[in-house]
C-alpha atoms as a PDB file:
ATOM      1  CA  MET A   1      85.919  77.178  12.698  1.00  0.00           C
ATOM      2  CA  ARG A   2      83.525  80.001  11.750  1.00  0.00           C
ATOM      3  CA  LEU A   3      84.307  81.952  14.904  1.00  0.00           C
ATOM      4  CA  ILE A   4      88.021  81.337  14.561  1.00  0.00           C
ATOM      5  CA  LEU A   5      87.822  82.950  11.148  1.00  0.00           C
ATOM      6  CA  ILE A   6      85.801  85.843  12.582  1.00  0.00           C
ATOM      7  CA  ILE A   7      88.479  86.492  15.169  1.00  0.00           C
ATOM      8  CA  PHE A   8      91.220  86.166  12.572  1.00  0.00           C
ATOM      9  CA  PHE A   9      89.568  88.728  10.338  1.00  0.00           C
ATOM     10  CA  LEU A  10      88.778  91.039  13.266  1.00  0.00           C
ATOM     11  CA  ILE A  11      92.226  91.041  14.835  1.00  0.00           C
ATOM     12  CA  ASN A  12      94.196  91.451  11.634  1.00  0.00           C
ATOM     13  CA  SER A  13      91.802  93.977  10.059  1.00  0.00           C
ATOM     14  CA  ILE A  14      91.771  92.235   6.699  1.00  0.00           C
ATOM     15  CA  THR A  15      90.270  94.308   3.897  1.00  0.00           C
ATOM     16  CA  SER A  16      87.295  92.664   2.247  1.00  0.00           C
ATOM     17  CA  HIS A  17      86.662  92.593  -1.484  1.00  0.00           C
ATOM     18  CA  CYS A  18      83.251  93.351  -2.920  1.00  0.00           C
ATOM     19  CA  GLN A  19      82.266  90.255  -4.851  1.00  0.00           C
ATOM     20  CA  ILE A  20      78.557  89.518  -5.032  1.00  0.00           C
ATOM     21  CA  THR A  21      77.514  86.357  -6.811  1.00  0.00           C
ATOM     22  CA  ASP A  22      74.364  85.891  -8.804  1.00  0.00           C
ATOM     23  CA  LEU A  23      72.931  82.833  -7.056  1.00  0.00           C
ATOM     24  CA  MET A  24      70.260  82.413  -9.696  1.00  0.00           C
ATOM     25  CA  LYS A  25      72.885  81.156 -12.138  1.00  0.00           C
ATOM     26  CA  ILE A  26      74.506  77.878 -11.171  1.00  0.00           C
ATOM     27  CA  ASN A  27      78.302  77.825 -11.599  1.00  0.00           C
ATOM     28  CA  ASP A  28      78.208  81.316 -13.045  1.00  0.00           C
ATOM     29  CA  ILE A  29      79.833  83.841 -10.701  1.00  0.00           C
ATOM     30  CA  LYS A  30      79.645  87.506 -11.635  1.00  0.00           C
ATOM     31  CA  ILE A  31      79.578  90.936 -10.042  1.00  0.00           C
ATOM     32  CA  ASP A  32      76.068  92.280  -9.528  1.00  0.00           C
ATOM     33  CA  ASN A  33      76.122  95.795 -11.013  1.00  0.00           C
ATOM     34  CA  ARG A  34      73.792  97.156  -8.333  1.00  0.00           C
ATOM     35  CA  TYR A  35      76.175  96.221  -5.540  1.00  0.00           C
ATOM     36  CA  ASP A  36      79.208  97.175  -7.554  1.00  0.00           C
ATOM     37  CA  SER A  37      77.690 100.652  -7.814  1.00  0.00           C
ATOM     38  CA  ILE A  38      77.188 100.795  -4.038  1.00  0.00           C
ATOM     39  CA  CYS A  39      80.811  99.775  -3.548  1.00  0.00           C
ATOM     40  CA  ARG A  40      82.043 102.492  -5.876  1.00  0.00           C
ATOM     41  CA  TYR A  41      79.672 105.349  -5.140  1.00  0.00           C
ATOM     42  CA  GLY A  42      77.724 104.425  -2.010  1.00  0.00           C
ATOM     43  CA  LYS A  43      78.110 105.944   1.439  1.00  0.00           C
ATOM     44  CA  LYS A  44      81.295 105.034   3.270  1.00  0.00           C
ATOM     45  CA  TYR A  45      81.370 104.035   6.926  1.00  0.00           C
ATOM     46  CA  GLU A  46      84.203 103.936   9.413  1.00  0.00           C
ATOM     47  CA  LYS A  47      85.201 100.340  10.015  1.00  0.00           C
ATOM     48  CA  PRO A  48      84.069  99.457  13.550  1.00  0.00           C
ATOM     49  CA  GLN A  49      86.610  98.423  16.147  1.00  0.00           C
ATOM     50  CA  ARG A  50      85.837  96.682  19.376  1.00  0.00           C
ATOM     51  CA  ILE A  51      86.632  98.982  22.303  1.00  0.00           C
ATOM     52  CA  GLU A  52      87.892  98.447  25.826  1.00  0.00           C
ATOM     53  CA  ILE A  53      85.028  99.502  28.097  1.00  0.00           C
ATOM     54  CA  ARG A  54      85.478 100.953  31.574  1.00  0.00           C
ATOM     55  CA  PHE A  55      82.156 100.023  33.097  1.00  0.00           C
ATOM     56  CA  PRO A  56      81.212 102.190  36.116  1.00  0.00           C
ATOM     57  CA  SER A  57      81.262  99.030  38.197  1.00  0.00           C
ATOM     58  CA  LYS A  58      81.345  98.597  41.967  1.00  0.00           C
ATOM     59  CA  GLU A  59      83.904  96.536  43.857  1.00  0.00           C
ATOM     60  CA  VAL A  60      82.160  93.375  45.045  1.00  0.00           C
ATOM     61  CA  SER A  61      83.498  90.018  46.166  1.00  0.00           C
ATOM     62  CA  ASN A  62      83.584  86.913  44.012  1.00  0.00           C
ATOM     63  CA  ASP A  63      81.235  85.250  46.510  1.00  0.00           C
ATOM     64  CA  TYR A  64      78.721  88.038  45.880  1.00  0.00           C
ATOM     65  CA  LYS A  65      79.157  87.705  42.113  1.00  0.00           C
ATOM     66  CA  LEU A  66      78.650  83.955  42.210  1.00  0.00           C
ATOM     67  CA  ALA A  67      75.565  84.234  44.416  1.00  0.00           C
ATOM     68  CA  GLU A  68      73.978  86.778  42.060  1.00  0.00           C
ATOM     69  CA  LEU A  69      74.804  84.645  39.026  1.00  0.00           C
ATOM     70  CA  HIS A  70      72.954  81.743  40.639  1.00  0.00           C
ATOM     71  CA  LYS A  71      69.981  83.998  41.365  1.00  0.00           C
ATOM     72  CA  ALA A  72      69.871  85.217  37.770  1.00  0.00           C
ATOM     73  CA  ILE A  73      70.510  81.777  36.253  1.00  0.00           C
ATOM     74  CA  PRO A  74      68.798  79.321  38.628  1.00  0.00           C
ATOM     75  CA  GLY A  75      69.097  75.559  38.624  1.00  0.00           C
ATOM     76  CA  SER A  76      65.743  75.313  36.850  1.00  0.00           C
ATOM     77  CA  PHE A  77      67.564  76.510  33.714  1.00  0.00           C
ATOM     78  CA  ASN A  78      69.605  73.309  33.770  1.00  0.00           C
ATOM     79  CA  ASN A  79      67.054  71.364  31.742  1.00  0.00           C
ATOM     80  CA  GLU A  80      68.326  70.116  28.408  1.00  0.00           C
ATOM     81  CA  ASN A  81      64.827  68.925  27.484  1.00  0.00           C
ATOM     82  CA  ASP A  82      63.173  72.340  27.772  1.00  0.00           C
ATOM     83  CA  ILE A  83      62.053  72.705  24.161  1.00  0.00           C
ATOM     84  CA  ASP A  84      60.250  75.992  24.861  1.00  0.00           C
ATOM     85  CA  HIS A  85      63.368  77.746  26.169  1.00  0.00           C
ATOM     86  CA  PRO A  86      66.466  75.913  24.869  1.00  0.00           C
ATOM     87  CA  GLU A  87      68.576  79.038  25.393  1.00  0.00           C
ATOM     88  CA  ARG A  88      68.228  78.619  29.162  1.00  0.00           C
ATOM     89  CA  TRP A  89      70.147  75.340  29.213  1.00  0.00           C
ATOM     90  CA  TRP A  90      72.875  76.766  26.997  1.00  0.00           C
ATOM     91  CA  MET A  91      73.164  79.752  29.321  1.00  0.00           C
ATOM     92  CA  TYR A  92      73.363  77.587  32.453  1.00  0.00           C
ATOM     93  CA  HIS A  93      75.872  75.283  30.785  1.00  0.00           C
ATOM     94  CA  TYR A  94      78.089  78.213  29.814  1.00  0.00           C
ATOM     95  CA  TYR A  95      78.175  79.794  33.279  1.00  0.00           C
ATOM     96  CA  PHE A  96      78.267  76.654  35.422  1.00  0.00           C
ATOM     97  CA  GLY A  97      78.844  73.568  33.278  1.00  0.00           C
ATOM     98  CA  LEU A  98      82.083  74.094  31.349  1.00  0.00           C
ATOM     99  CA  ASP A  99      85.280  72.345  32.358  1.00  0.00           C
ATOM    100  CA  HIS A 100      87.557  74.629  30.308  1.00  0.00           C
ATOM    101  CA  LEU A 101      87.527  77.738  28.111  1.00  0.00           C
ATOM    102  CA  LEU A 102      89.214  78.517  24.826  1.00  0.00           C
ATOM    103  CA  ASP A 103      90.395  82.030  24.066  1.00  0.00           C
ATOM    104  CA  TYR A 104      92.308  83.971  21.441  1.00  0.00           C
ATOM    105  CA  ASP A 105      95.966  84.727  22.193  1.00  0.00           C
ATOM    106  CA  SER A 106      97.140  87.831  20.324  1.00  0.00           C
ATOM    107  CA  LYS A 107     100.819  87.097  21.052  1.00  0.00           C
ATOM    108  CA  THR A 108     100.788  83.790  19.191  1.00  0.00           C
ATOM    109  CA  ASP A 109      97.792  84.633  16.947  1.00  0.00           C
ATOM    110  CA  SER A 110      96.178  81.353  17.935  1.00  0.00           C
ATOM    111  CA  ILE A 111      93.390  79.766  19.950  1.00  0.00           C
ATOM    112  CA  ILE A 112      94.521  78.519  23.343  1.00  0.00           C
ATOM    113  CA  GLN A 113      92.982  76.728  26.312  1.00  0.00           C
ATOM    114  CA  LEU A 114      92.882  78.946  29.379  1.00  0.00           C
ATOM    115  CA  PRO A 115      94.732  77.335  32.302  1.00  0.00           C
ATOM    116  CA  LYS A 116      92.342  78.137  35.169  1.00  0.00           C
ATOM    117  CA  GLN A 117      88.796  77.001  35.869  1.00  0.00           C
ATOM    118  CA  PRO A 118      86.124  78.815  33.797  1.00  0.00           C
ATOM    119  CA  LEU A 119      84.528  80.560  36.787  1.00  0.00           C
ATOM    120  CA  PHE A 120      87.794  82.382  37.494  1.00  0.00           C
ATOM    121  CA  TYR A 121      87.506  84.209  34.162  1.00  0.00           C
ATOM    122  CA  ILE A 122      83.708  84.483  34.123  1.00  0.00           C
ATOM    123  CA  LEU A 123      83.606  86.218  37.514  1.00  0.00           C
ATOM    124  CA  ASN A 124      86.503  88.475  36.584  1.00  0.00           C
ATOM    125  CA  ASP A 125      84.672  89.646  33.428  1.00  0.00           C
ATOM    126  CA  THR A 126      81.327  90.305  35.152  1.00  0.00           C
ATOM    127  CA  TYR A 127      80.627  93.923  36.133  1.00  0.00           C
ATOM    128  CA  PHE A 128      78.105  95.084  38.733  1.00  0.00           C
ATOM    129  CA  PHE A 129      76.532  98.547  38.764  1.00  0.00           C
ATOM    130  CA  ASP A 130      73.123 100.227  38.811  1.00  0.00           C
ATOM    131  CA  MET A 131      72.207 100.490  35.123  1.00  0.00           C
ATOM    132  CA  SER A 132      68.593 101.571  35.600  1.00  0.00           C
ATOM    133  CA  GLY A 133      68.942 104.031  38.481  1.00  0.00           C
ATOM    134  CA  ASP A 134      66.503 102.250  40.798  1.00  0.00           C
ATOM    135  CA  GLY A 135      69.063 101.588  43.529  1.00  0.00           C
ATOM    136  CA  LEU A 136      69.379  97.872  42.723  1.00  0.00           C
ATOM    137  CA  ILE A 137      72.678  96.508  41.432  1.00  0.00           C
ATOM    138  CA  ASP A 138      72.535  95.007  37.945  1.00  0.00           C
ATOM    139  CA  PHE A 139      75.336  93.279  36.075  1.00  0.00           C
ATOM    140  CA  ILE A 140      76.751  92.493  32.657  1.00  0.00           C
ATOM    141  CA  HIS A 141      79.100  89.686  31.661  1.00  0.00           C
ATOM    142  CA  TYR A 142      81.278  90.974  28.835  1.00  0.00           C
ATOM    143  CA  PRO A 143      84.521  89.074  28.178  1.00  0.00           C
ATOM    144  CA  LYS A 144      86.602  89.311  25.024  1.00  0.00           C
ATOM    145  CA  TYR A 145      86.482  86.162  22.927  1.00  0.00           C
ATOM    146  CA  TYR A 146      86.055  83.062  25.064  1.00  0.00           C
ATOM    147  CA  LYS A 147      82.269  83.411  25.393  1.00  0.00           C
ATOM    148  CA  ALA A 148      81.847  83.611  21.635  1.00  0.00           C
ATOM    149  CA  LEU A 149      84.072  80.556  21.191  1.00  0.00           C
ATOM    150  CA  ALA A 150      82.174  78.601  23.844  1.00  0.00           C
ATOM    151  CA  GLN A 151      78.746  79.434  22.399  1.00  0.00           C
ATOM    152  CA  ASP A 152      79.621  79.565  18.693  1.00  0.00           C
ATOM    153  CA  ASN A 153      77.928  82.958  18.388  1.00  0.00           C
ATOM    154  CA  ILE A 154      78.664  86.554  19.365  1.00  0.00           C
ATOM    155  CA  SER A 155      76.042  87.261  22.006  1.00  0.00           C
ATOM    156  CA  TYR A 156      75.990  88.675  25.516  1.00  0.00           C
ATOM    157  CA  GLU A 157      73.507  89.377  28.306  1.00  0.00           C
ATOM    158  CA  ILE A 158      72.619  92.206  30.642  1.00  0.00           C
ATOM    159  CA  PHE A 159      71.010  91.153  33.934  1.00  0.00           C
ATOM    160  CA  ILE A 160      68.627  93.729  35.398  1.00  0.00           C
ATOM    161  CA  ASN A 161      67.939  93.284  39.112  1.00  0.00           C
ATOM    162  CA  GLN A 162      64.259  93.691  39.950  1.00  0.00           C
ATOM    163  CA  LYS A 163      62.272  93.030  43.120  1.00  0.00           C
ATOM    164  CA  SER A 164      60.668  90.044  41.386  1.00  0.00           C
ATOM    165  CA  GLY A 165      64.030  88.664  40.251  1.00  0.00           C
ATOM    166  CA  TYR A 166      66.497  89.214  37.456  1.00  0.00           C
ATOM    167  CA  LYS A 167      65.404  90.197  33.969  1.00  0.00           C
ATOM    168  CA  ILE A 168      67.776  88.968  31.249  1.00  0.00           C
ATOM    169  CA  LEU A 169      68.353  91.227  28.234  1.00  0.00           C
ATOM    170  CA  PRO A 170      70.350  89.576  25.433  1.00  0.00           C
ATOM    171  CA  PHE A 171      72.152  91.458  22.686  1.00  0.00           C
ATOM    172  CA  SER A 172      74.384  90.475  19.805  1.00  0.00           C
ATOM    173  CA  GLY A 173      77.700  91.764  18.518  1.00  0.00           C
ATOM    174  CA  TYR A 174      80.821  93.447  19.844  1.00  0.00           C
ATOM    175  CA  ILE A 175      80.307  96.884  21.417  1.00  0.00           C
ATOM    176  CA  TYR A 176      82.088  99.664  19.530  1.00  0.00           C
ATOM    177  CA  ASP A 177      80.385 102.647  21.176  1.00  0.00           C
ATOM    178  CA  ILE A 178      78.590 103.027  24.526  1.00  0.00           C
ATOM    179  CA  LYS A 179      77.178 105.912  26.547  1.00  0.00           C
ATOM    180  CA  PHE A 180      76.438 106.219  30.266  1.00  0.00           C
ATOM    181  CA  ASN A 181      74.754 108.998  32.207  1.00  0.00           C
ATOM    182  CA  PRO A 182      76.871 110.924  34.756  1.00  0.00           C
ATOM    183  CA  ASP A 183      75.337 108.761  37.518  1.00  0.00           C
ATOM    184  CA  GLY A 184      76.558 105.601  35.754  1.00  0.00           C
ATOM    185  CA  THR A 185      73.202 104.468  34.396  1.00  0.00           C
ATOM    186  CA  LEU A 186      73.141 103.036  30.901  1.00  0.00           C
ATOM    187  CA  VAL A 187      71.916 105.158  27.983  1.00  0.00           C
ATOM    188  CA  LYS A 188      72.702 103.302  24.753  1.00  0.00           C
ATOM    189  CA  PHE A 189      75.323 101.323  22.885  1.00  0.00           C
ATOM    190  CA  ASP A 190      76.170 100.183  19.360  1.00  0.00           C
ATOM    191  CA  THR A 191      77.449  96.767  18.315  1.00  0.00           C
ATOM    192  CA  PHE A 192      78.702  95.110  15.168  1.00  0.00           C
ATOM    193  CA  LEU A 193      78.839  91.554  13.892  1.00  0.00           C
ATOM    194  CA  PRO A 194      81.988  91.185  11.765  1.00  0.00           C
ATOM    195  CA  HIS A 195      81.895  89.463   8.410  1.00  0.00           C
ATOM    196  CA  CYS A 196      83.183  85.953   8.039  1.00  0.00           C
ATOM    197  CA  CYS A 197      84.199  83.563   5.310  1.00  0.00           C
ATOM    198  CA  ASP A 198      82.230  84.400   2.162  1.00  0.00           C
ATOM    199  CA  ASP A 199      80.029  87.052   3.798  1.00  0.00           C
ATOM    200  CA  ASN A 200      80.020  90.371   1.987  1.00  0.00           C
ATOM    201  CA  HIS A 201      78.519  92.463   4.789  1.00  0.00           C
ATOM    202  CA  GLU A 202      78.670  93.394   8.457  1.00  0.00           C
ATOM    203  CA  THR A 203      75.703  94.025  10.735  1.00  0.00           C
ATOM    204  CA  PHE A 204      75.400  97.131  12.899  1.00  0.00           C
ATOM    205  CA  ASN A 205      72.958  97.122  15.838  1.00  0.00           C
ATOM    206  CA  HIS A 206      71.949 100.307  17.661  1.00  0.00           C
ATOM    207  CA  TYR A 207      70.496  99.624  21.113  1.00  0.00           C
ATOM    208  CA  ARG A 208      68.823 102.020  23.539  1.00  0.00           C
ATOM    209  CA  PHE A 209      68.156 101.177  27.176  1.00  0.00           C
ATOM    210  CA  ASP A 210      64.689 102.065  28.477  1.00  0.00           C
ATOM    211  CA  LYS A 211      65.166 102.602  32.214  1.00  0.00           C
ATOM    212  CA  ILE A 212      61.417 102.789  32.921  1.00  0.00           C
ATOM    213  CA  LYS A 213      60.614  99.415  31.351  1.00  0.00           C
ATOM    214  CA  SER A 214      64.073  97.914  31.925  1.00  0.00           C
ATOM    215  CA  GLU A 215      64.303  96.887  28.299  1.00  0.00           C
ATOM    216  CA  LEU A 216      66.854  97.006  25.522  1.00  0.00           C
ATOM    217  CA  ILE A 217      65.294  98.541  22.434  1.00  0.00           C
ATOM    218  CA  LEU A 218      66.848  97.858  19.047  1.00  0.00           C
ATOM    219  CA  ASP A 219      66.372 101.269  17.458  1.00  0.00           C
ATOM    220  CA  ASN A 220      68.078 100.402  14.198  1.00  0.00           C
ATOM    221  CA  LYS A 221      69.766  97.499  12.460  1.00  0.00           C
ATOM    222  CA  GLU A 222      71.975  98.146   9.446  1.00  0.00           C
ATOM    223  CA  ILE A 223      73.447  95.701   6.969  1.00  0.00           C
ATOM    224  CA  ILE A 224      76.557  97.336   5.482  1.00  0.00           C
ATOM    225  CA  LEU A 225      78.611  95.913   2.623  1.00  0.00           C
ATOM    226  CA  THR A 226      82.210  95.333   3.643  1.00  0.00           C
ATOM    227  CA  CYS A 227      83.386  97.332   0.634  1.00  0.00           C
ATOM    228  CA  GLN A 228      81.737 100.422   2.172  1.00  0.00           C
ATOM    229  CA  LEU A 229      83.866 100.197   5.307  1.00  0.00           C
ATOM    230  CA  ILE A 230      87.023 102.278   5.515  1.00  0.00           C
ATOM    231  CA  ASP A 231      89.817 101.844   8.050  1.00  0.00           C
ATOM    232  CA  ASN A 232      90.876 105.159   9.579  1.00  0.00           C
ATOM    233  CA  LYS A 233      93.635 103.646  11.698  1.00  0.00           C
END
């Protein structure tokens, strides 16, 4: 339900109101003057919008995609009792264990069940290209909404191909800005986590890709009140 509300707010661009409650007073809701001042006089930010990304991807077969997915997410991840790395089972289950996917349908403004098998969509939304410039082909799986609905959180992964195996780099939020070098290698990107329900803020993450270490570096994380966001559309 939380993610359905997120999608509803994101698609319809609903304007948020700045109401901050004083949680120290039970049953007494009031506007906190400090935040009210930020809403009135604080810096304004352009409301982020998820963008359609044209990844500099290479044409590869679905058989190749599936084989690389299995290399990056091996059967050893399929261990529900792995208390040290519970995210591995969830990842394996998402890519290889689902029997259907739900997605958002903009035409009917509703959540629907996709008619084909999950791998059809997962492979279609997985993009292969050399992000680090080392000659090895990396990949990113970046669909629209069905991954967030399946996992109950807005998170994605970049898979960096190394001689020792794949290195998985997770990140959170929808991408609203991304930069590549002329050779197609990744430079940086920015994401946002939209507000939901009674939240009064959105989170902005600013990632930089370190090609030498093959790491995503979170340069900055901003918590912005929804009342500071303006829609320039």
